[in-house]
Amino acid sequence: MRDFAKLYEKTFMRYILLYFFISSCNLFAQDLAYIKSTDTIYLYFDKLEKFEDLHLKTNKNEFVEKYIYQFPDAKELYFETHLQKPHKTKPRIVSKDFMDKNKNKIITTDILHKYNFAEIQNALYKPRRVFYIIDKADFKRKKIVLKKANYMFFTYNKYIKPLITTVL
């Protein structure tokens, strides 16, 4: 009987340690270091979501469609997709399981809340990086539309209005 109690106690302790290990590791967290190392980034944009501190805006005309993430301090992450030739690219259509397969490459509003504007902007800036917008409004049944986008990199100075420094 004593051997059974010791075996039960050891097994119980192992399960407790395993539980604490798994709960302390955020297995589905997006890591900025990983995002910095990838060449392709997907941005999930759901305008219907409401946040007090983060504003999601879209603006569309016949030439470009703009996607803007505005932070509380009025700084913005600005992406645009071209709708006219010669810059227009054909949107990619993928299946819904694409989101599960590439979840560590997708920047959602959760990661924007987790980090500040400067950290996000530094992680996104890399020459020749490809950005795709995943717009929730463009979901069709079991298909997702990916729109290739340009990231407009802004430099902010305390005394000067924002200046566009480069287009990625």
N, C-alpha and C. Protein backbone atom coordinates (compact mmCIF):
# COMPACT_ATOMS: atom_id res chain seq x y z
N MET A 1 0.82 -1.19 0.00
CA MET A 1 0.00 0.00 0.00
C MET A 1 0.87 1.26 0.00
N ARG A 2 1.99 1.21 0.70
CA ARG A 2 2.87 2.38 0.76
C ARG A 2 3.47 2.67 -0.61
N ASP A 3 3.80 1.61 -1.38
CA ASP A 3 4.37 1.81 -2.72
C ASP A 3 3.36 2.50 -3.63
N PHE A 4 2.10 2.12 -3.51
CA PHE A 4 1.05 2.74 -4.31
C PHE A 4 0.91 4.23 -3.97
N ALA A 5 0.99 4.57 -2.71
CA ALA A 5 0.87 5.96 -2.27
C ALA A 5 2.04 6.79 -2.79
N LYS A 6 3.25 6.22 -2.74
CA LYS A 6 4.42 6.95 -3.25
C LYS A 6 4.33 7.15 -4.76
N LEU A 7 3.90 6.11 -5.47
CA LEU A 7 3.74 6.21 -6.92
C LEU A 7 2.69 7.26 -7.27
N TYR A 8 1.58 7.26 -6.53
CA TYR A 8 0.51 8.23 -6.75
C TYR A 8 1.03 9.65 -6.49
N GLU A 9 1.81 9.83 -5.43
CA GLU A 9 2.33 11.14 -5.08
C GLU A 9 3.30 11.64 -6.16
N LYS A 10 4.18 10.78 -6.66
CA LYS A 10 5.12 11.18 -7.70
C LYS A 10 4.38 11.55 -8.99
N THR A 11 3.41 10.74 -9.37
CA THR A 11 2.64 11.02 -10.58
C THR A 11 1.87 12.32 -10.45
N PHE A 12 1.28 12.54 -9.29
CA PHE A 12 0.52 13.76 -9.03
C PHE A 12 1.44 14.98 -9.14
N MET A 13 2.62 14.90 -8.56
CA MET A 13 3.57 16.01 -8.61
C MET A 13 4.02 16.29 -10.05
N ARG A 14 4.21 15.25 -10.83
CA ARG A 14 4.60 15.44 -12.23
C ARG A 14 3.51 16.17 -13.00
N TYR A 15 2.26 15.80 -12.76
CA TYR A 15 1.16 16.48 -13.44
C TYR A 15 1.07 17.94 -13.02
N ILE A 16 1.30 18.20 -11.77
CA ILE A 16 1.27 19.60 -11.30
C ILE A 16 2.38 20.40 -11.95
N LEU A 17 3.59 19.84 -11.99
CA LEU A 17 4.70 20.53 -12.64
C LEU A 17 4.43 20.75 -14.13
N LEU A 18 3.88 19.74 -14.77
CA LEU A 18 3.55 19.87 -16.19
C LEU A 18 2.49 20.94 -16.41
N TYR A 19 1.50 21.01 -15.55
CA TYR A 19 0.46 22.02 -15.64
C TYR A 19 1.05 23.42 -15.50
N PHE A 20 1.91 23.63 -14.51
CA PHE A 20 2.51 24.95 -14.32
C PHE A 20 3.43 25.31 -15.48
N PHE A 21 4.13 24.35 -16.02
CA PHE A 21 4.99 24.62 -17.16
C PHE A 21 4.18 25.06 -18.37
N ILE A 22 3.12 24.36 -18.67
CA ILE A 22 2.29 24.69 -19.82
C ILE A 22 1.56 26.01 -19.62
N SER A 23 1.06 26.24 -18.42
CA SER A 23 0.32 27.47 -18.17
C SER A 23 1.23 28.70 -18.15
N SER A 24 2.50 28.52 -17.79
CA SER A 24 3.40 29.66 -17.77
C SER A 24 3.90 30.01 -19.16
N CYS A 25 3.91 29.05 -20.06
CA CYS A 25 4.31 29.30 -21.45
C CYS A 25 3.07 29.66 -22.24
N ASN A 26 3.14 30.75 -22.91
CA ASN A 26 2.03 31.11 -23.78
C ASN A 26 2.32 30.50 -25.15
N LEU A 27 1.73 29.36 -25.42
CA LEU A 27 2.05 28.61 -26.63
C LEU A 27 1.60 29.30 -27.91
N PHE A 28 0.59 30.13 -27.82
CA PHE A 28 0.05 30.76 -29.02
C PHE A 28 0.42 32.23 -29.10
N ALA A 29 1.34 32.68 -28.31
CA ALA A 29 1.73 34.09 -28.32
C ALA A 29 2.52 34.41 -29.57
N GLN A 30 2.31 35.60 -30.08
CA GLN A 30 3.06 36.05 -31.23
C GLN A 30 4.31 36.75 -30.72
N ASP A 31 5.42 36.40 -31.27
CA ASP A 31 6.68 36.92 -30.79
C ASP A 31 7.23 37.91 -31.82
N LEU A 32 7.61 39.09 -31.35
CA LEU A 32 8.13 40.10 -32.28
C LEU A 32 9.44 39.65 -32.90
N ALA A 33 10.22 38.87 -32.19
CA ALA A 33 11.48 38.38 -32.76
C ALA A 33 11.21 37.50 -33.97
N TYR A 34 10.18 36.67 -33.89
CA TYR A 34 9.83 35.83 -35.04
C TYR A 34 9.31 36.68 -36.19
N ILE A 35 8.50 37.68 -35.87
CA ILE A 35 7.96 38.55 -36.90
C ILE A 35 9.09 39.31 -37.60
N LYS A 36 10.10 39.72 -36.84
CA LYS A 36 11.24 40.41 -37.44
C LYS A 36 12.00 39.52 -38.42
N SER A 37 12.00 38.23 -38.17
CA SER A 37 12.80 37.32 -38.99
C SER A 37 12.08 36.84 -40.25
N THR A 38 10.78 37.02 -40.36
CA THR A 38 10.05 36.52 -41.52
C THR A 38 10.06 37.53 -42.67
N ASP A 39 9.91 37.03 -43.86
CA ASP A 39 9.87 37.90 -45.05
C ASP A 39 8.45 38.25 -45.47
N THR A 40 7.48 37.51 -44.98
CA THR A 40 6.08 37.76 -45.32
C THR A 40 5.28 37.91 -44.03
N ILE A 41 4.50 38.97 -43.97
CA ILE A 41 3.66 39.24 -42.79
C ILE A 41 2.23 39.46 -43.25
N TYR A 42 1.31 38.90 -42.49
CA TYR A 42 -0.11 39.03 -42.76
C TYR A 42 -0.73 39.87 -41.66
N LEU A 43 -1.53 40.86 -42.02
CA LEU A 43 -2.18 41.74 -41.06
C LEU A 43 -3.67 41.48 -41.08
N TYR A 44 -4.21 41.08 -39.94
CA TYR A 44 -5.63 40.79 -39.83
C TYR A 44 -6.36 42.08 -39.49
N PHE A 45 -7.33 42.44 -40.31
CA PHE A 45 -8.03 43.71 -40.16
C PHE A 45 -9.52 43.44 -40.08
N ASP A 46 -10.10 43.72 -38.92
CA ASP A 46 -11.54 43.56 -38.72
C ASP A 46 -12.08 44.89 -38.22
N LYS A 47 -12.63 45.66 -39.11
CA LYS A 47 -13.10 47.01 -38.77
C LYS A 47 -14.28 46.98 -37.81
N LEU A 48 -15.01 45.87 -37.76
CA LEU A 48 -16.19 45.79 -36.90
C LEU A 48 -15.81 45.62 -35.42
N GLU A 49 -14.57 45.21 -35.14
CA GLU A 49 -14.15 45.10 -33.75
C GLU A 49 -14.05 46.50 -33.15
N LYS A 50 -14.46 46.65 -31.92
CA LYS A 50 -14.44 47.95 -31.26
C LYS A 50 -13.42 47.93 -30.12
N PHE A 51 -12.56 48.94 -30.10
CA PHE A 51 -11.57 49.09 -29.05
C PHE A 51 -11.59 50.53 -28.58
N GLU A 52 -11.31 50.73 -27.30
CA GLU A 52 -11.26 52.09 -26.78
C GLU A 52 -9.95 52.78 -27.13
N ASP A 53 -8.87 52.00 -27.23
CA ASP A 53 -7.56 52.62 -27.41
C ASP A 53 -6.99 52.49 -28.82
N LEU A 54 -7.50 51.60 -29.63
CA LEU A 54 -6.96 51.38 -30.96
C LEU A 54 -8.07 51.57 -31.99
N HIS A 55 -7.81 52.39 -32.98
CA HIS A 55 -8.82 52.66 -34.00
C HIS A 55 -8.39 52.04 -35.32
N LEU A 56 -9.28 51.30 -35.93
CA LEU A 56 -9.03 50.68 -37.22
C LEU A 56 -9.83 51.45 -38.26
N LYS A 57 -9.13 51.95 -39.28
CA LYS A 57 -9.82 52.76 -40.28
C LYS A 57 -9.51 52.23 -41.68
N THR A 58 -10.49 52.34 -42.54
CA THR A 58 -10.27 52.04 -43.96
C THR A 58 -10.69 53.27 -44.75
N ASN A 59 -10.03 53.44 -45.86
CA ASN A 59 -10.33 54.54 -46.74
C ASN A 59 -10.11 54.04 -48.16
N LYS A 60 -11.09 54.19 -49.01
CA LYS A 60 -10.98 53.63 -50.35
C LYS A 60 -11.42 54.66 -51.38
N ASN A 61 -10.61 54.77 -52.42
CA ASN A 61 -11.01 55.54 -53.58
C ASN A 61 -10.75 54.67 -54.81
N GLU A 62 -10.80 55.23 -55.99
CA GLU A 62 -10.64 54.40 -57.18
C GLU A 62 -9.20 53.96 -57.42
N PHE A 63 -8.23 54.55 -56.73
CA PHE A 63 -6.83 54.23 -56.95
C PHE A 63 -6.22 53.34 -55.87
N VAL A 64 -6.50 53.66 -54.61
CA VAL A 64 -5.90 52.90 -53.51
C VAL A 64 -6.93 52.61 -52.42
N GLU A 65 -6.66 51.57 -51.67
CA GLU A 65 -7.44 51.24 -50.48
C GLU A 65 -6.48 51.31 -49.31
N LYS A 66 -6.79 52.12 -48.31
CA LYS A 66 -5.89 52.36 -47.19
C LYS A 66 -6.41 51.65 -45.94
N TYR A 67 -5.49 51.02 -45.23
CA TYR A 67 -5.79 50.37 -43.96
C TYR A 67 -4.92 51.02 -42.90
N ILE A 68 -5.55 51.53 -41.85
CA ILE A 68 -4.82 52.30 -40.85
C ILE A 68 -5.13 51.76 -39.46
N TYR A 69 -4.07 51.49 -38.70
CA TYR A 69 -4.17 51.17 -37.28
C TYR A 69 -3.70 52.41 -36.54
N GLN A 70 -4.61 53.07 -35.83
CA GLN A 70 -4.26 54.29 -35.12
C GLN A 70 -4.17 54.02 -33.62
N PHE A 71 -3.02 54.34 -33.05
CA PHE A 71 -2.77 54.14 -31.62
C PHE A 71 -3.29 55.32 -30.81
N PRO A 72 -3.39 55.18 -29.49
CA PRO A 72 -3.94 56.25 -28.66
C PRO A 72 -3.19 57.57 -28.76
N ASP A 73 -1.88 57.52 -29.03
CA ASP A 73 -1.11 58.76 -29.13
C ASP A 73 -1.13 59.33 -30.55
N ALA A 74 -2.09 58.91 -31.36
CA ALA A 74 -2.35 59.38 -32.73
C ALA A 74 -1.30 58.92 -33.73
N LYS A 75 -0.41 58.03 -33.36
CA LYS A 75 0.54 57.47 -34.31
C LYS A 75 -0.15 56.33 -35.05
N GLU A 76 0.21 56.14 -36.32
CA GLU A 76 -0.52 55.21 -37.16
C GLU A 76 0.41 54.24 -37.89
N LEU A 77 -0.08 53.02 -38.04
CA LEU A 77 0.51 52.06 -38.97
C LEU A 77 -0.34 52.15 -40.22
N TYR A 78 0.29 52.45 -41.34
CA TYR A 78 -0.44 52.80 -42.55
C TYR A 78 -0.07 51.84 -43.67
N PHE A 79 -1.06 51.16 -44.23
CA PHE A 79 -0.86 50.21 -45.33
C PHE A 79 -1.82 50.58 -46.45
N GLU A 80 -1.35 50.38 -47.68
CA GLU A 80 -2.25 50.66 -48.80
C GLU A 80 -2.10 49.59 -49.88
N THR A 81 -3.22 49.29 -50.50
CA THR A 81 -3.24 48.36 -51.63
C THR A 81 -3.66 49.15 -52.86
N HIS A 82 -3.02 48.87 -53.98
CA HIS A 82 -3.30 49.59 -55.22
C HIS A 82 -4.44 48.89 -55.97
N LEU A 83 -5.32 49.69 -56.52
CA LEU A 83 -6.48 49.16 -57.24
C LEU A 83 -6.40 49.41 -58.74
N GLN A 84 -5.40 50.14 -59.20
CA GLN A 84 -5.25 50.46 -60.61
C GLN A 84 -3.91 49.97 -61.12
N LYS A 85 -3.84 49.69 -62.40
CA LYS A 85 -2.57 49.30 -63.02
C LYS A 85 -1.65 50.51 -63.05
N PRO A 86 -0.38 50.39 -63.05
CA PRO A 86 0.48 49.23 -63.20
C PRO A 86 0.81 48.55 -61.87
N HIS A 87 0.39 49.12 -60.74
CA HIS A 87 0.77 48.58 -59.43
C HIS A 87 -0.18 47.51 -58.91
N LYS A 88 -1.35 47.40 -59.54
CA LYS A 88 -2.36 46.46 -59.05
C LYS A 88 -1.85 45.02 -59.13
N THR A 89 -2.05 44.30 -58.06
CA THR A 89 -1.72 42.87 -58.05
C THR A 89 -2.99 42.08 -57.82
N LYS A 90 -3.04 40.91 -58.38
CA LYS A 90 -4.21 40.07 -58.23
C LYS A 90 -4.24 39.51 -56.81
N PRO A 91 -5.37 39.62 -56.11
CA PRO A 91 -5.43 39.09 -54.74
C PRO A 91 -5.30 37.57 -54.73
N ARG A 92 -4.65 37.06 -53.69
CA ARG A 92 -4.53 35.61 -53.51
C ARG A 92 -5.74 35.12 -52.73
N ILE A 93 -6.26 33.98 -53.12
CA ILE A 93 -7.38 33.38 -52.40
C ILE A 93 -6.89 32.08 -51.79
N VAL A 94 -7.06 31.97 -50.47
CA VAL A 94 -6.60 30.79 -49.74
C VAL A 94 -7.75 30.23 -48.92
N SER A 95 -7.56 29.03 -48.41
CA SER A 95 -8.61 28.40 -47.60
C SER A 95 -8.54 28.90 -46.15
N LYS A 96 -9.59 28.60 -45.39
CA LYS A 96 -9.68 29.07 -44.00
C LYS A 96 -8.60 28.48 -43.10
N ASP A 97 -8.10 27.29 -43.42
CA ASP A 97 -7.07 26.69 -42.57
C ASP A 97 -5.73 27.43 -42.71
N PHE A 98 -5.64 28.35 -43.64
CA PHE A 98 -4.45 29.20 -43.79
C PHE A 98 -4.18 29.97 -42.50
N MET A 99 -5.24 30.43 -41.85
CA MET A 99 -5.09 31.19 -40.60
C MET A 99 -4.45 30.34 -39.51
N ASP A 100 -4.82 29.08 -39.41
CA ASP A 100 -4.24 28.20 -38.40
C ASP A 100 -2.79 27.86 -38.72
N LYS A 101 -2.49 27.64 -39.99
CA LYS A 101 -1.14 27.26 -40.38
C LYS A 101 -0.14 28.40 -40.20
N ASN A 102 -0.57 29.63 -40.39
CA ASN A 102 0.32 30.79 -40.35
C ASN A 102 0.02 31.73 -39.20
N LYS A 103 -0.48 31.22 -38.10
CA LYS A 103 -0.91 32.10 -37.02
C LYS A 103 0.23 32.90 -36.39
N ASN A 104 1.47 32.41 -36.48
CA ASN A 104 2.58 33.16 -35.91
C ASN A 104 3.06 34.26 -36.85
N LYS A 105 2.62 34.28 -38.10
CA LYS A 105 2.97 35.33 -39.05
C LYS A 105 1.88 36.39 -39.16
N ILE A 106 0.75 36.15 -38.52
CA ILE A 106 -0.39 37.07 -38.63
C ILE A 106 -0.38 38.04 -37.46
N ILE A 107 -0.38 39.31 -37.78
CA ILE A 107 -0.44 40.35 -36.74
C ILE A 107 -1.91 40.70 -36.54
N THR A 108 -2.37 40.45 -35.34
CA THR A 108 -3.76 40.75 -34.99
C THR A 108 -3.78 41.95 -34.06
N THR A 109 -4.96 42.37 -33.70
CA THR A 109 -5.07 43.49 -32.77
C THR A 109 -4.56 43.12 -31.38
N ASP A 110 -4.53 41.83 -31.06
CA ASP A 110 -3.98 41.40 -29.77
C ASP A 110 -2.51 41.77 -29.65
N ILE A 111 -1.75 41.54 -30.70
CA ILE A 111 -0.33 41.88 -30.65
C ILE A 111 -0.13 43.39 -30.66
N LEU A 112 -1.03 44.12 -31.30
CA LEU A 112 -0.93 45.58 -31.28
C LEU A 112 -1.20 46.13 -29.89
N HIS A 113 -2.06 45.46 -29.13
CA HIS A 113 -2.31 45.87 -27.75
C HIS A 113 -1.16 45.48 -26.83
N LYS A 114 -0.49 44.40 -27.15
CA LYS A 114 0.57 43.87 -26.30
C LYS A 114 1.83 44.75 -26.34
N TYR A 115 2.13 45.33 -27.50
CA TYR A 115 3.34 46.13 -27.67
C TYR A 115 2.96 47.56 -28.01
N ASN A 116 3.93 48.47 -27.86
CA ASN A 116 3.65 49.86 -28.20
C ASN A 116 3.99 50.14 -29.66
N PHE A 117 3.70 51.34 -30.11
CA PHE A 117 3.86 51.71 -31.51
C PHE A 117 5.31 51.55 -31.98
N ALA A 118 6.26 52.01 -31.20
CA ALA A 118 7.67 51.97 -31.62
C ALA A 118 8.15 50.53 -31.79
N GLU A 119 7.76 49.64 -30.89
CA GLU A 119 8.17 48.24 -30.99
C GLU A 119 7.57 47.58 -32.25
N ILE A 120 6.32 47.86 -32.52
CA ILE A 120 5.67 47.30 -33.70
C ILE A 120 6.32 47.84 -34.97
N GLN A 121 6.54 49.14 -35.01
CA GLN A 121 7.13 49.75 -36.19
C GLN A 121 8.54 49.23 -36.44
N ASN A 122 9.33 49.06 -35.41
CA ASN A 122 10.68 48.51 -35.58
C ASN A 122 10.64 47.06 -36.04
N ALA A 123 9.65 46.31 -35.59
CA ALA A 123 9.53 44.91 -36.02
C ALA A 123 9.10 44.81 -37.47
N LEU A 124 8.27 45.73 -37.93
CA LEU A 124 7.76 45.68 -39.29
C LEU A 124 8.76 46.19 -40.32
N TYR A 125 9.64 47.09 -39.91
CA TYR A 125 10.56 47.69 -40.87
C TYR A 125 11.65 46.71 -41.27
N LYS A 126 11.63 46.35 -42.53
CA LYS A 126 12.67 45.50 -43.12
C LYS A 126 12.52 45.63 -44.63
N PRO A 127 13.60 45.97 -45.32
CA PRO A 127 13.49 46.09 -46.78
C PRO A 127 13.07 44.77 -47.43
N ARG A 128 12.34 44.88 -48.49
CA ARG A 128 11.86 43.76 -49.30
C ARG A 128 10.93 42.80 -48.55
N ARG A 129 10.29 43.26 -47.55
CA ARG A 129 9.32 42.44 -46.84
C ARG A 129 7.97 42.57 -47.53
N VAL A 130 7.24 41.48 -47.61
CA VAL A 130 5.95 41.46 -48.28
C VAL A 130 4.85 41.47 -47.22
N PHE A 131 3.88 42.36 -47.41
CA PHE A 131 2.75 42.47 -46.50
C PHE A 131 1.47 42.09 -47.23
N TYR A 132 0.62 41.36 -46.53
CA TYR A 132 -0.70 41.03 -47.04
C TYR A 132 -1.74 41.45 -46.01
N ILE A 133 -2.83 42.01 -46.49
CA ILE A 133 -3.95 42.38 -45.63
C ILE A 133 -4.99 41.27 -45.71
N ILE A 134 -5.42 40.82 -44.53
CA ILE A 134 -6.53 39.88 -44.44
C ILE A 134 -7.70 40.69 -43.87
N ASP A 135 -8.60 41.09 -44.74
CA ASP A 135 -9.74 41.91 -44.33
C ASP A 135 -10.92 41.00 -44.03
N LYS A 136 -11.42 41.08 -42.81
CA LYS A 136 -12.55 40.24 -42.39
C LYS A 136 -13.77 40.46 -43.29
N ALA A 137 -13.92 41.66 -43.81
CA ALA A 137 -15.05 41.97 -44.69
C ALA A 137 -14.97 41.23 -46.02
N ASP A 138 -13.79 40.76 -46.40
CA ASP A 138 -13.61 40.06 -47.67
C ASP A 138 -13.70 38.55 -47.55
N PHE A 139 -14.02 38.02 -46.38
CA PHE A 139 -14.13 36.57 -46.22
C PHE A 139 -15.32 36.07 -47.04
N LYS A 140 -15.10 34.98 -47.75
CA LYS A 140 -16.16 34.38 -48.55
C LYS A 140 -16.24 32.91 -48.19
N ARG A 141 -17.33 32.50 -47.66
CA ARG A 141 -17.57 31.11 -47.25
C ARG A 141 -16.34 30.48 -46.63
N LYS A 142 -15.64 29.63 -47.36
CA LYS A 142 -14.46 28.96 -46.81
C LYS A 142 -13.17 29.50 -47.42
N LYS A 143 -13.24 30.69 -47.99
CA LYS A 143 -12.08 31.28 -48.65
C LYS A 143 -11.72 32.62 -48.01
N ILE A 144 -10.42 32.91 -48.02
CA ILE A 144 -9.90 34.17 -47.49
C ILE A 144 -9.18 34.87 -48.63
N VAL A 145 -9.41 36.17 -48.76
CA VAL A 145 -8.75 36.97 -49.79
C VAL A 145 -7.56 37.69 -49.16
N LEU A 146 -6.39 37.51 -49.75
CA LEU A 146 -5.17 38.18 -49.30
C LEU A 146 -4.83 39.28 -50.29
N LYS A 147 -4.73 40.52 -49.80
CA LYS A 147 -4.39 41.64 -50.67
C LYS A 147 -2.96 42.08 -50.36
N LYS A 148 -2.14 42.15 -51.39
CA LYS A 148 -0.77 42.61 -51.21
C LYS A 148 -0.80 44.10 -50.90
N ALA A 149 -0.03 44.51 -49.89
CA ALA A 149 -0.07 45.89 -49.43
C ALA A 149 1.33 46.47 -49.33
N ASN A 150 1.39 47.79 -49.38
CA ASN A 150 2.63 48.52 -49.14
C ASN A 150 2.55 49.13 -47.75
N TYR A 151 3.64 49.03 -47.02
CA TYR A 151 3.71 49.62 -45.68
C TYR A 151 4.36 50.99 -45.81
N MET A 152 3.67 51.99 -45.34
CA MET A 152 4.20 53.34 -45.35
C MET A 152 4.87 53.58 -44.00
N PHE A 153 6.18 53.73 -44.02
CA PHE A 153 6.96 53.88 -42.80
C PHE A 153 7.06 55.36 -42.48
N PHE A 154 6.51 55.75 -41.33
CA PHE A 154 6.52 57.15 -40.91
C PHE A 154 7.57 57.37 -39.84
N THR A 155 8.16 58.56 -39.86
CA THR A 155 9.07 58.96 -38.79
C THR A 155 8.38 60.06 -38.01
N TYR A 156 8.36 59.90 -36.71
CA TYR A 156 7.71 60.89 -35.86
C TYR A 156 8.75 61.66 -35.08
N ASN A 157 8.59 62.96 -35.08
CA ASN A 157 9.42 63.82 -34.28
C ASN A 157 8.49 64.62 -33.39
N LYS A 158 8.97 64.93 -32.22
CA LYS A 158 8.15 65.64 -31.25
C LYS A 158 7.75 67.03 -31.74
N TYR A 159 8.61 67.66 -32.54
CA TYR A 159 8.38 69.03 -32.95
C TYR A 159 7.91 69.18 -34.38
N ILE A 160 8.04 68.12 -35.16
CA ILE A 160 7.68 68.18 -36.58
C ILE A 160 6.56 67.21 -36.84
N LYS A 161 5.67 67.53 -37.76
CA LYS A 161 4.61 66.61 -38.14
C LYS A 161 5.21 65.37 -38.79
N PRO A 162 4.47 64.27 -38.83
CA PRO A 162 5.02 63.04 -39.41
C PRO A 162 5.46 63.22 -40.86
N LEU A 163 6.58 62.61 -41.18
CA LEU A 163 7.12 62.64 -42.52
C LEU A 163 7.22 61.22 -43.05
N ILE A 164 6.86 61.03 -44.31
CA ILE A 164 7.03 59.71 -44.91
C ILE A 164 8.50 59.58 -45.28
N THR A 165 9.14 58.53 -44.79
CA THR A 165 10.55 58.36 -45.09
C THR A 165 10.79 57.31 -46.17
N THR A 166 9.99 56.27 -46.18
CA THR A 166 10.19 55.24 -47.17
C THR A 166 8.91 54.44 -47.36
N VAL A 167 8.80 53.85 -48.50
CA VAL A 167 7.68 52.96 -48.80
C VAL A 167 8.26 51.57 -48.95
N LEU A 168 7.74 50.62 -48.18
CA LEU A 168 8.26 49.25 -48.26
C LEU A 168 7.36 48.42 -49.13
